[in-house]
PDB file of all heavy atoms in Angstrom:
ATOM      1  N   PHE A   1     140.713  37.001 366.709  1.00  0.00           N
ATOM      2  CA  PHE A   1     141.441  38.135 366.998  1.00  0.00           C
ATOM      3  C   PHE A   1     141.189  39.288 365.993  1.00  0.00           C
ATOM      4  O   PHE A   1     141.020  40.443 366.366  1.00  0.00           O
ATOM      5  CB  PHE A   1     142.969  37.883 367.233  1.00  0.00           C
ATOM      6  CG  PHE A   1     143.753  39.078 367.596  1.00  0.00           C
ATOM      7  CD1 PHE A   1     143.759  39.543 368.872  1.00  0.00           C
ATOM      8  CD2 PHE A   1     144.467  39.747 366.614  1.00  0.00           C
ATOM      9  CE1 PHE A   1     144.453  40.603 369.242  1.00  0.00           C
ATOM     10  CE2 PHE A   1     145.221  40.839 367.003  1.00  0.00           C
ATOM     11  CZ  PHE A   1     145.267  41.258 368.333  1.00  0.00           C
ATOM     12  N   LEU A   2     141.271  38.934 364.760  1.00  0.00           N
ATOM     13  CA  LEU A   2     141.087  39.909 363.675  1.00  0.00           C
ATOM     14  C   LEU A   2     139.713  40.608 363.768  1.00  0.00           C
ATOM     15  O   LEU A   2     139.542  41.776 363.580  1.00  0.00           O
ATOM     16  CB  LEU A   2     141.345  39.302 362.296  1.00  0.00           C
ATOM     17  CG  LEU A   2     141.079  40.168 361.050  1.00  0.00           C
ATOM     18  CD1 LEU A   2     142.162  41.308 361.070  1.00  0.00           C
ATOM     19  CD2 LEU A   2     141.270  39.358 359.840  1.00  0.00           C
ATOM     20  N   ILE A   3     138.660  39.719 363.996  1.00  0.00           N
ATOM     21  CA  ILE A   3     137.303  40.333 364.124  1.00  0.00           C
ATOM     22  C   ILE A   3     137.237  41.184 365.335  1.00  0.00           C
ATOM     23  O   ILE A   3     136.673  42.325 365.226  1.00  0.00           O
ATOM     24  CB  ILE A   3     136.287  39.123 364.335  1.00  0.00           C
ATOM     25  CG1 ILE A   3     136.238  38.294 362.940  1.00  0.00           C
ATOM     26  CG2 ILE A   3     134.950  39.603 364.779  1.00  0.00           C
ATOM     27  CD1 ILE A   3     135.491  36.993 363.085  1.00  0.00           C
ATOM     28  N   LEU A   4     137.774  40.840 366.416  1.00  0.00           N
ATOM     29  CA  LEU A   4     137.873  41.773 367.646  1.00  0.00           C
ATOM     30  C   LEU A   4     138.544  43.063 367.323  1.00  0.00           C
ATOM     31  O   LEU A   4     138.144  44.191 367.704  1.00  0.00           O
ATOM     32  CB  LEU A   4     138.554  41.069 368.818  1.00  0.00           C
ATOM     33  CG  LEU A   4     137.705  40.027 369.482  1.00  0.00           C
ATOM     34  CD1 LEU A   4     138.595  39.295 370.473  1.00  0.00           C
ATOM     35  CD2 LEU A   4     136.445  40.615 370.191  1.00  0.00           C
ATOM     36  N   LEU A   5     139.672  42.987 366.583  1.00  0.00           N
ATOM     37  CA  LEU A   5     140.410  44.159 366.213  1.00  0.00           C
ATOM     38  C   LEU A   5     139.623  45.135 365.280  1.00  0.00           C
ATOM     39  O   LEU A   5     139.559  46.304 365.496  1.00  0.00           O
ATOM     40  CB  LEU A   5     141.746  43.829 365.448  1.00  0.00           C
ATOM     41  CG  LEU A   5     142.630  44.923 365.006  1.00  0.00           C
ATOM     42  CD1 LEU A   5     143.104  45.810 366.242  1.00  0.00           C
ATOM     43  CD2 LEU A   5     143.804  44.412 364.306  1.00  0.00           C
ATOM     44  N   VAL A   6     138.978  44.494 364.314  1.00  0.00           N
ATOM     45  CA  VAL A   6     138.165  45.245 363.364  1.00  0.00           C
ATOM     46  C   VAL A   6     136.977  45.917 364.216  1.00  0.00           C
ATOM     47  O   VAL A   6     136.652  47.098 363.892  1.00  0.00           O
ATOM     48  CB  VAL A   6     137.622  44.410 362.214  1.00  0.00           C
ATOM     49  CG1 VAL A   6     136.566  45.172 361.358  1.00  0.00           C
ATOM     50  CG2 VAL A   6     138.843  44.046 361.287  1.00  0.00           C
ATOM     51  N   TRP A   7     136.379  45.219 365.006  1.00  0.00           N
ATOM     52  CA  TRP A   7     135.281  45.768 365.858  1.00  0.00           C
ATOM     53  C   TRP A   7     135.808  46.913 366.628  1.00  0.00           C
ATOM     54  O   TRP A   7     135.190  47.956 366.748  1.00  0.00           O
ATOM     55  CB  TRP A   7     134.670  44.637 366.730  1.00  0.00           C
ATOM     56  CG  TRP A   7     133.549  45.071 367.614  1.00  0.00           C
ATOM     57  CD1 TRP A   7     132.694  46.116 367.364  1.00  0.00           C
ATOM     58  CD2 TRP A   7     133.197  44.532 368.852  1.00  0.00           C
ATOM     59  NE1 TRP A   7     131.710  46.146 368.372  1.00  0.00           N
ATOM     60  CE2 TRP A   7     132.062  45.211 369.327  1.00  0.00           C
ATOM     61  CE3 TRP A   7     133.763  43.476 369.597  1.00  0.00           C
ATOM     62  CZ2 TRP A   7     131.532  44.884 370.517  1.00  0.00           C
ATOM     63  CZ3 TRP A   7     133.162  43.159 370.891  1.00  0.00           C
ATOM     64  CH2 TRP A   7     131.979  43.825 371.302  1.00  0.00           C
ATOM     65  N   ASN A   8     136.967  46.778 367.223  1.00  0.00           N
ATOM     66  CA  ASN A   8     137.545  47.863 368.064  1.00  0.00           C
ATOM     67  C   ASN A   8     137.796  49.101 367.197  1.00  0.00           C
ATOM     68  O   ASN A   8     137.476  50.137 367.588  1.00  0.00           O
ATOM     69  CB  ASN A   8     138.781  47.376 368.807  1.00  0.00           C
ATOM     70  CG  ASN A   8     139.393  48.408 369.646  1.00  0.00           C
ATOM     71  OD1 ASN A   8     138.663  48.874 370.599  1.00  0.00           O
ATOM     72  ND2 ASN A   8     140.564  48.739 369.497  1.00  0.00           N
ATOM     73  N   ILE A   9     138.436  48.861 366.003  1.00  0.00           N
ATOM     74  CA  ILE A   9     138.701  50.038 365.120  1.00  0.00           C
ATOM     75  C   ILE A   9     137.352  50.743 364.749  1.00  0.00           C
ATOM     76  O   ILE A   9     137.281  51.950 364.721  1.00  0.00           O
ATOM     77  CB  ILE A   9     139.528  49.512 363.868  1.00  0.00           C
ATOM     78  CG1 ILE A   9     140.922  49.116 364.322  1.00  0.00           C
ATOM     79  CG2 ILE A   9     139.496  50.646 362.850  1.00  0.00           C
ATOM     80  CD1 ILE A   9     141.661  48.463 363.220  1.00  0.00           C
ATOM     81  N   ALA A  10     136.364  49.930 364.424  1.00  0.00           N
ATOM     82  CA  ALA A  10     135.092  50.549 363.993  1.00  0.00           C
ATOM     83  C   ALA A  10     134.445  51.432 365.176  1.00  0.00           C
ATOM     84  O   ALA A  10     134.004  52.506 364.961  1.00  0.00           O
ATOM     85  CB  ALA A  10     134.105  49.436 363.669  1.00  0.00           C
ATOM     86  N   VAL A  11     134.564  50.843 366.449  1.00  0.00           N
ATOM     87  CA  VAL A  11     133.940  51.608 367.631  1.00  0.00           C
ATOM     88  C   VAL A  11     134.823  52.856 367.887  1.00  0.00           C
ATOM     89  O   VAL A  11     134.198  53.918 367.994  1.00  0.00           O
ATOM     90  CB  VAL A  11     133.884  50.648 368.717  1.00  0.00           C
ATOM     91  CG1 VAL A  11     133.576  51.443 370.040  1.00  0.00           C
ATOM     92  CG2 VAL A  11     132.895  49.515 368.593  1.00  0.00           C
ATOM     93  N   VAL A  12     136.072  52.747 367.861  1.00  0.00           N
ATOM     94  CA  VAL A  12     136.944  53.895 368.148  1.00  0.00           C
ATOM     95  C   VAL A  12     136.748  54.932 367.104  1.00  0.00           C
ATOM     96  O   VAL A  12     136.591  56.160 367.329  1.00  0.00           O
ATOM     97  CB  VAL A  12     138.518  53.535 368.278  1.00  0.00           C
ATOM     98  CG1 VAL A  12     139.301  54.754 368.392  1.00  0.00           C
ATOM     99  CG2 VAL A  12     138.661  52.717 369.570  1.00  0.00           C
ATOM    100  N   ASN A  13     136.653  54.538 365.830  1.00  0.00           N
ATOM    101  CA  ASN A  13     136.384  55.513 364.722  1.00  0.00           C
ATOM    102  C   ASN A  13     135.032  56.186 364.943  1.00  0.00           C
ATOM    103  O   ASN A  13     134.981  57.300 364.715  1.00  0.00           O
ATOM    104  CB  ASN A  13     136.433  54.687 363.400  1.00  0.00           C
ATOM    105  CG  ASN A  13     136.315  55.642 362.181  1.00  0.00           C
ATOM    106  OD1 ASN A  13     137.044  56.605 362.098  1.00  0.00           O
ATOM    107  ND2 ASN A  13     135.323  55.464 361.419  1.00  0.00           N
ATOM    108  N   HIS A  14     134.039  55.381 365.279  1.00  0.00           N
ATOM    109  CA  HIS A  14     132.744  55.955 365.457  1.00  0.00           C
ATOM    110  C   HIS A  14     132.702  57.053 366.601  1.00  0.00           C
ATOM    111  O   HIS A  14     132.146  58.122 366.411  1.00  0.00           O
ATOM    112  CB  HIS A  14     131.768  54.821 365.953  1.00  0.00           C
ATOM    113  CG  HIS A  14     130.387  55.182 366.225  1.00  0.00           C
ATOM    114  ND1 HIS A  14     129.507  55.618 365.331  1.00  0.00           N
ATOM    115  CD2 HIS A  14     129.733  55.234 367.405  1.00  0.00           C
ATOM    116  CE1 HIS A  14     128.334  55.950 365.959  1.00  0.00           C
ATOM    117  NE2 HIS A  14     128.541  55.743 367.237  1.00  0.00           N
ATOM    118  N   ILE A  15     133.469  56.757 367.645  1.00  0.00           N
ATOM    119  CA  ILE A  15     133.617  57.678 368.774  1.00  0.00           C
ATOM    120  C   ILE A  15     134.330  58.857 368.402  1.00  0.00           C
ATOM    121  O   ILE A  15     133.934  60.079 368.620  1.00  0.00           O
ATOM    122  CB  ILE A  15     134.205  56.975 370.030  1.00  0.00           C
ATOM    123  CG1 ILE A  15     133.204  55.969 370.583  1.00  0.00           C
ATOM    124  CG2 ILE A  15     134.576  57.958 371.139  1.00  0.00           C
ATOM    125  CD1 ILE A  15     133.857  55.025 371.669  1.00  0.00           C
ATOM    126  N   LEU A  16     135.548  58.748 367.791  1.00  0.00           N
ATOM    127  CA  LEU A  16     136.285  59.940 367.360  1.00  0.00           C
ATOM    128  C   LEU A  16     135.706  60.700 366.325  1.00  0.00           C
ATOM    129  O   LEU A  16     135.811  62.003 366.303  1.00  0.00           O
ATOM    130  CB  LEU A  16     137.728  59.438 367.010  1.00  0.00           C
ATOM    131  CG  LEU A  16     138.636  58.842 368.114  1.00  0.00           C
ATOM    132  CD1 LEU A  16     139.935  58.328 367.578  1.00  0.00           C
ATOM    133  CD2 LEU A  16     138.862  59.915 369.193  1.00  0.00           C
ATOM    134  N   LYS A  17     134.947  60.009 365.370  1.00  0.00           N
ATOM    135  CA  LYS A  17     134.318  60.794 364.324  1.00  0.00           C
ATOM    136  C   LYS A  17     133.262  61.769 364.953  1.00  0.00           C
ATOM    137  O   LYS A  17     133.160  62.854 364.522  1.00  0.00           O
ATOM    138  CB  LYS A  17     133.637  59.821 363.403  1.00  0.00           C
ATOM    139  CG  LYS A  17     132.902  60.408 362.264  1.00  0.00           C
ATOM    140  CD  LYS A  17     132.232  59.367 361.357  1.00  0.00           C
ATOM    141  CE  LYS A  17     131.390  59.981 360.277  1.00  0.00           C
ATOM    142  NZ  LYS A  17     130.716  58.993 359.509  1.00  0.00           N
ATOM    143  N   ALA A  18     132.582  61.222 365.956  1.00  0.00           N
ATOM    144  CA  ALA A  18     131.528  62.085 366.568  1.00  0.00           C
ATOM    145  C   ALA A  18     132.217  63.160 367.519  1.00  0.00           C
ATOM    146  O   ALA A  18     131.813  64.303 367.432  1.00  0.00           O
ATOM    147  CB  ALA A  18     130.605  61.166 367.435  1.00  0.00           C
ATOM    148  N   ALA A  19     133.149  62.824 368.243  1.00  0.00           N
ATOM    149  CA  ALA A  19     133.807  63.754 369.099  1.00  0.00           C
ATOM    150  C   ALA A  19     134.533  64.886 368.470  1.00  0.00           C
ATOM    151  O   ALA A  19     134.541  66.013 368.789  1.00  0.00           O
ATOM    152  CB  ALA A  19     134.842  62.971 370.002  1.00  0.00           C
ATOM    153  N   LEU A  20     135.218  64.610 367.307  1.00  0.00           N
ATOM    154  CA  LEU A  20     136.018  65.517 366.539  1.00  0.00           C
ATOM    155  C   LEU A  20     135.180  66.098 365.415  1.00  0.00           C
ATOM    156  O   LEU A  20     135.764  66.979 364.736  1.00  0.00           O
ATOM    157  CB  LEU A  20     137.256  64.863 366.024  1.00  0.00           C
ATOM    158  CG  LEU A  20     138.240  64.296 367.126  1.00  0.00           C
ATOM    159  CD1 LEU A  20     139.329  63.396 366.528  1.00  0.00           C
ATOM    160  CD2 LEU A  20     138.793  65.375 367.930  1.00  0.00           C
ATOM    161  N   ALA A  21     133.987  65.675 365.106  1.00  0.00           N
ATOM    162  CA  ALA A  21     133.114  66.172 364.095  1.00  0.00           C
ATOM    163  C   ALA A  21     133.871  66.117 362.803  1.00  0.00           C
ATOM    164  O   ALA A  21     134.056  67.121 362.106  1.00  0.00           O
ATOM    165  CB  ALA A  21     132.654  67.650 364.491  1.00  0.00           C
ATOM    166  N   MET A  22     134.292  64.940 362.387  1.00  0.00           N
ATOM    167  CA  MET A  22     135.166  64.720 361.180  1.00  0.00           C
ATOM    168  C   MET A  22     134.401  63.793 360.228  1.00  0.00           C
ATOM    169  O   MET A  22     133.479  63.040 360.510  1.00  0.00           O
ATOM    170  CB  MET A  22     136.443  64.060 361.532  1.00  0.00           C
ATOM    171  CG  MET A  22     137.367  64.870 362.380  1.00  0.00           C
ATOM    172  SD  MET A  22     138.867  64.009 362.671  1.00  0.00           S
ATOM    173  CE  MET A  22     140.031  65.378 362.414  1.00  0.00           C
ATOM    174  N   THR A  23     134.866  63.802 359.024  1.00  0.00           N
ATOM    175  CA  THR A  23     134.407  62.888 357.946  1.00  0.00           C
ATOM    176  C   THR A  23     135.079  61.467 358.173  1.00  0.00           C
ATOM    177  O   THR A  23     136.075  61.424 358.828  1.00  0.00           O
ATOM    178  CB  THR A  23     134.653  63.467 356.549  1.00  0.00           C
ATOM    179  OG1 THR A  23     136.086  63.585 356.382  1.00  0.00           O
ATOM    180  CG2 THR A  23     134.004  64.807 356.340  1.00  0.00           C
ATOM    181  N   ASN A  24     134.404  60.514 357.527  1.00  0.00           N
ATOM    182  CA  ASN A  24     134.991  59.223 357.718  1.00  0.00           C
ATOM    183  C   ASN A  24     136.370  58.974 357.319  1.00  0.00           C
ATOM    184  O   ASN A  24     137.137  58.440 358.194  1.00  0.00           O
ATOM    185  CB  ASN A  24     133.989  58.165 357.033  1.00  0.00           C
ATOM    186  CG  ASN A  24     133.704  57.070 357.884  1.00  0.00           C
ATOM    187  OD1 ASN A  24     133.993  56.995 359.079  1.00  0.00           O
ATOM    188  ND2 ASN A  24     133.037  56.084 357.308  1.00  0.00           N
ATOM    189  N   PRO A  25     136.845  59.352 356.172  1.00  0.00           N
ATOM    190  CA  PRO A  25     138.265  58.959 355.775  1.00  0.00           C
ATOM    191  C   PRO A  25     139.286  59.675 356.781  1.00  0.00           C
ATOM    192  O   PRO A  25     140.256  59.037 357.197  1.00  0.00           O
ATOM    193  CB  PRO A  25     138.487  59.613 354.390  1.00  0.00           C
ATOM    194  CG  PRO A  25     137.055  59.653 353.898  1.00  0.00           C
ATOM    195  CD  PRO A  25     136.142  59.899 354.931  1.00  0.00           C
ATOM    196  N   LEU A  26     139.037  60.896 357.128  1.00  0.00           N
ATOM    197  CA  LEU A  26     139.941  61.585 358.075  1.00  0.00           C
ATOM    198  C   LEU A  26     139.817  60.905 359.466  1.00  0.00           C
ATOM    199  O   LEU A  26     140.882  60.728 360.069  1.00  0.00           O
ATOM    200  CB  LEU A  26     139.640  63.115 358.086  1.00  0.00           C
ATOM    201  CG  LEU A  26     140.614  63.886 358.877  1.00  0.00           C
ATOM    202  CD1 LEU A  26     141.987  63.789 358.331  1.00  0.00           C
ATOM    203  CD2 LEU A  26     140.143  65.371 358.758  1.00  0.00           C
ATOM    204  N   SER A  27     138.694  60.677 359.903  1.00  0.00           N
ATOM    205  CA  SER A  27     138.492  60.087 361.242  1.00  0.00           C
ATOM    206  C   SER A  27     139.147  58.653 361.358  1.00  0.00           C
ATOM    207  O   SER A  27     139.696  58.301 362.314  1.00  0.00           O
ATOM    208  CB  SER A  27     137.105  60.032 361.717  1.00  0.00           C
ATOM    209  OG  SER A  27     136.356  59.054 360.954  1.00  0.00           O
ATOM    210  N   LEU A  28     139.101  57.985 360.207  1.00  0.00           N
ATOM    211  CA  LEU A  28     139.660  56.634 360.213  1.00  0.00           C
ATOM    212  C   LEU A  28     141.286  56.751 360.326  1.00  0.00           C
ATOM    213  O   LEU A  28     141.889  55.962 361.074  1.00  0.00           O
ATOM    214  CB  LEU A  28     139.383  55.915 359.001  1.00  0.00           C
ATOM    215  CG  LEU A  28     139.865  54.415 358.845  1.00  0.00           C
ATOM    216  CD1 LEU A  28     139.432  53.574 360.000  1.00  0.00           C
ATOM    217  CD2 LEU A  28     139.502  53.746 357.426  1.00  0.00           C
ATOM    218  N   GLY A  29     141.851  57.686 359.647  1.00  0.00           N
ATOM    219  CA  GLY A  29     143.217  57.981 359.838  1.00  0.00           C
ATOM    220  C   GLY A  29     143.604  58.331 361.302  1.00  0.00           C
ATOM    221  O   GLY A  29     144.618  57.826 361.807  1.00  0.00           O
ATOM    222  N   ILE A  30     142.883  59.254 361.862  1.00  0.00           N
ATOM    223  CA  ILE A  30     143.099  59.618 363.284  1.00  0.00           C
ATOM    224  C   ILE A  30     142.928  58.325 364.131  1.00  0.00           C
ATOM    225  O   ILE A  30     143.634  58.198 365.130  1.00  0.00           O
ATOM    226  CB  ILE A  30     142.066  60.637 363.739  1.00  0.00           C
ATOM    227  CG1 ILE A  30     142.236  61.932 362.857  1.00  0.00           C
ATOM    228  CG2 ILE A  30     142.123  60.967 365.188  1.00  0.00           C
ATOM    229  CD1 ILE A  30     143.599  62.629 363.142  1.00  0.00           C
ATOM    230  N   THR A  31     141.899  57.460 363.887  1.00  0.00           N
ATOM    231  CA  THR A  31     141.625  56.255 364.657  1.00  0.00           C
ATOM    232  C   THR A  31     142.835  55.391 364.640  1.00  0.00           C
ATOM    233  O   THR A  31     143.281  54.825 365.611  1.00  0.00           O
ATOM    234  CB  THR A  31     140.391  55.568 364.218  1.00  0.00           C
ATOM    235  OG1 THR A  31     139.254  56.475 364.331  1.00  0.00           O
ATOM    236  CG2 THR A  31     140.139  54.285 364.843  1.00  0.00           C
ATOM    237  N   LEU A  32     143.314  55.135 363.407  1.00  0.00           N
ATOM    238  CA  LEU A  32     144.490  54.214 363.333  1.00  0.00           C
ATOM    239  C   LEU A  32     145.734  54.763 364.039  1.00  0.00           C
ATOM    240  O   LEU A  32     146.469  54.077 364.702  1.00  0.00           O
ATOM    241  CB  LEU A  32     144.730  53.900 361.881  1.00  0.00           C
ATOM    242  CG  LEU A  32     143.607  53.158 361.108  1.00  0.00           C
ATOM    243  CD1 LEU A  32     143.948  53.049 359.613  1.00  0.00           C
ATOM    244  CD2 LEU A  32     143.429  51.794 361.743  1.00  0.00           C
ATOM    245  N   ALA A  33     145.931  56.125 363.925  1.00  0.00           N
ATOM    246  CA  ALA A  33     147.060  56.720 364.676  1.00  0.00           C
ATOM    247  C   ALA A  33     146.880  56.534 366.224  1.00  0.00           C
ATOM    248  O   ALA A  33     147.808  56.230 366.907  1.00  0.00           O
ATOM    249  CB  ALA A  33     147.132  58.144 364.300  1.00  0.00           C
ATOM    250  N   TYR A  34     145.678  56.688 366.554  1.00  0.00           N
ATOM    251  CA  TYR A  34     145.363  56.633 368.044  1.00  0.00           C
ATOM    252  C   TYR A  34     145.557  55.154 368.518  1.00  0.00           C
ATOM    253  O   TYR A  34     146.269  54.920 369.476  1.00  0.00           O
ATOM    254  CB  TYR A  34     143.803  56.849 368.244  1.00  0.00           C
ATOM    255  CG  TYR A  34     143.226  56.647 369.648  1.00  0.00           C
ATOM    256  CD1 TYR A  34     143.449  57.570 370.658  1.00  0.00           C
ATOM    257  CD2 TYR A  34     142.546  55.490 369.870  1.00  0.00           C
ATOM    258  CE1 TYR A  34     142.856  57.375 371.887  1.00  0.00           C
ATOM    259  CE2 TYR A  34     142.002  55.306 371.182  1.00  0.00           C
ATOM    260  CZ  TYR A  34     142.225  56.267 372.210  1.00  0.00           C
ATOM    261  OH  TYR A  34     141.648  55.923 373.414  1.00  0.00           O
ATOM    262  N   ILE A  35     145.065  54.120 367.778  1.00  0.00           N
ATOM    263  CA  ILE A  35     145.198  52.765 368.245  1.00  0.00           C
ATOM    264  C   ILE A  35     146.669  52.232 368.110  1.00  0.00           C
ATOM    265  O   ILE A  35     147.253  51.758 369.017  1.00  0.00           O
ATOM    266  CB  ILE A  35     144.225  51.888 367.480  1.00  0.00           C
ATOM    267  CG1 ILE A  35     142.795  52.145 367.882  1.00  0.00           C
ATOM    268  CG2 ILE A  35     144.484  50.324 367.720  1.00  0.00           C
ATOM    269  CD1 ILE A  35     141.715  51.516 367.030  1.00  0.00           C
ATOM    270  N   PHE A  36     147.218  52.354 366.831  1.00  0.00           N
ATOM    271  CA  PHE A  36     148.525  51.786 366.658  1.00  0.00           C
ATOM    272  C   PHE A  36     149.607  52.674 367.209  1.00  0.00           C
ATOM    273  O   PHE A  36     150.652  52.250 367.632  1.00  0.00           O
ATOM    274  CB  PHE A  36     148.743  51.485 365.208  1.00  0.00           C
ATOM    275  CG  PHE A  36     147.713  50.377 364.697  1.00  0.00           C
ATOM    276  CD1 PHE A  36     146.678  50.693 363.820  1.00  0.00           C
ATOM    277  CD2 PHE A  36     147.794  49.095 365.220  1.00  0.00           C
ATOM    278  CE1 PHE A  36     145.755  49.702 363.504  1.00  0.00           C
ATOM    279  CE2 PHE A  36     146.884  48.136 364.868  1.00  0.00           C
ATOM    280  CZ  PHE A  36     145.842  48.451 363.898  1.00  0.00           C
ATOM    281  N   GLY A  37     149.363  53.970 367.176  1.00  0.00           N
ATOM    282  CA  GLY A  37     150.298  54.876 367.855  1.00  0.00           C
ATOM    283  C   GLY A  37     150.485  54.602 369.339  1.00  0.00           C
ATOM    284  O   GLY A  37     151.595  54.619 369.969  1.00  0.00           O
ATOM    285  N   GLY A  38     149.357  54.226 369.994  1.00  0.00           N
ATOM    286  CA  GLY A  38     149.418  53.961 371.451  1.00  0.00           C
ATOM    287  C   GLY A  38     150.358  52.631 371.608  1.00  0.00           C
ATOM    288  O   GLY A  38     151.135  52.644 372.610  1.00  0.00           O
ATOM    289  N   SER A  39     150.155  51.674 370.843  1.00  0.00           N
ATOM    290  CA  SER A  39     150.937  50.441 370.985  1.00  0.00           C
ATOM    291  C   SER A  39     152.354  50.671 370.779  1.00  0.00           C
ATOM    292  O   SER A  39     153.261  50.185 371.435  1.00  0.00           O
ATOM    293  CB  SER A  39     150.511  49.337 369.938  1.00  0.00           C
ATOM    294  OG  SER A  39     149.215  48.972 370.225  1.00  0.00           O
ATOM    295  N   ALA A  40     152.636  51.549 369.745  1.00  0.00           N
ATOM    296  CA  ALA A  40     154.105  51.864 369.311  1.00  0.00           C
ATOM    297  C   ALA A  40     154.638  52.677 370.598  1.00  0.00           C
ATOM    298  O   ALA A  40     155.892  52.470 370.886  1.00  0.00           O
ATOM    299  CB  ALA A  40     154.123  52.627 368.082  1.00  0.00           C
ATOM    300  N   PHE A  41     153.860  53.597 371.097  1.00  0.00           N
ATOM    301  CA  PHE A  41     154.402  54.418 372.167  1.00  0.00           C
ATOM    302  C   PHE A  41     154.808  53.589 373.318  1.00  0.00           C
ATOM    303  O   PHE A  41     155.865  53.719 373.905  1.00  0.00           O
ATOM    304  CB  PHE A  41     153.363  55.421 372.505  1.00  0.00           C
ATOM    305  CG  PHE A  41     153.713  56.254 373.788  1.00  0.00           C
ATOM    306  CD1 PHE A  41     154.562  57.317 373.629  1.00  0.00           C
ATOM    307  CD2 PHE A  41     153.126  56.006 374.994  1.00  0.00           C
ATOM    308  CE1 PHE A  41     154.927  58.075 374.834  1.00  0.00           C
ATOM    309  CE2 PHE A  41     153.437  56.757 376.124  1.00  0.00           C
ATOM    310  CZ  PHE A  41     154.305  57.771 376.069  1.00  0.00           C
ATOM    311  N   VAL A  42     153.921  52.623 373.741  1.00  0.00           N
ATOM    312  CA  VAL A  42     154.201  51.789 374.875  1.00  0.00           C
ATOM    313  C   VAL A  42     155.407  50.885 374.679  1.00  0.00           C
ATOM    314  O   VAL A  42     156.199  50.785 375.513  1.00  0.00           O
ATOM    315  CB  VAL A  42     152.936  50.882 375.218  1.00  0.00           C
ATOM    316  CG1 VAL A  42     153.292  49.729 376.284  1.00  0.00           C
ATOM    317  CG2 VAL A  42     151.786  51.742 375.720  1.00  0.00           C
ATOM    318  N   ARG A  43     155.511  50.351 373.467  1.00  0.00           N
ATOM    319  CA  ARG A  43     156.698  49.583 373.095  1.00  0.00           C
ATOM    320  C   ARG A  43     157.920  50.318 373.153  1.00  0.00           C
ATOM    321  O   ARG A  43     159.020  49.958 373.669  1.00  0.00           O
ATOM    322  CB  ARG A  43     156.598  48.862 371.711  1.00  0.00           C
ATOM    323  CG  ARG A  43     155.890  47.577 371.852  1.00  0.00           C
ATOM    324  CD  ARG A  43     155.881  46.778 370.493  1.00  0.00           C
ATOM    325  NE  ARG A  43     154.544  46.568 370.228  1.00  0.00           N
ATOM    326  CZ  ARG A  43     153.925  47.076 369.119  1.00  0.00           C
ATOM    327  NH1 ARG A  43     154.645  47.660 368.235  1.00  0.00           N
ATOM    328  NH2 ARG A  43     152.635  46.823 368.881  1.00  0.00           N
TER     329      ARG A  43
END
């Protein structure tokens, strides 16, 4: 499960980094907000 989660984070970060034309540290923060914010929102 952890491997799947890390893979998902890497892919979403890759997509958002390209879409938003951001650097890696900033895009990773956006990625984590996107992924974990969605779960928190649904809950």
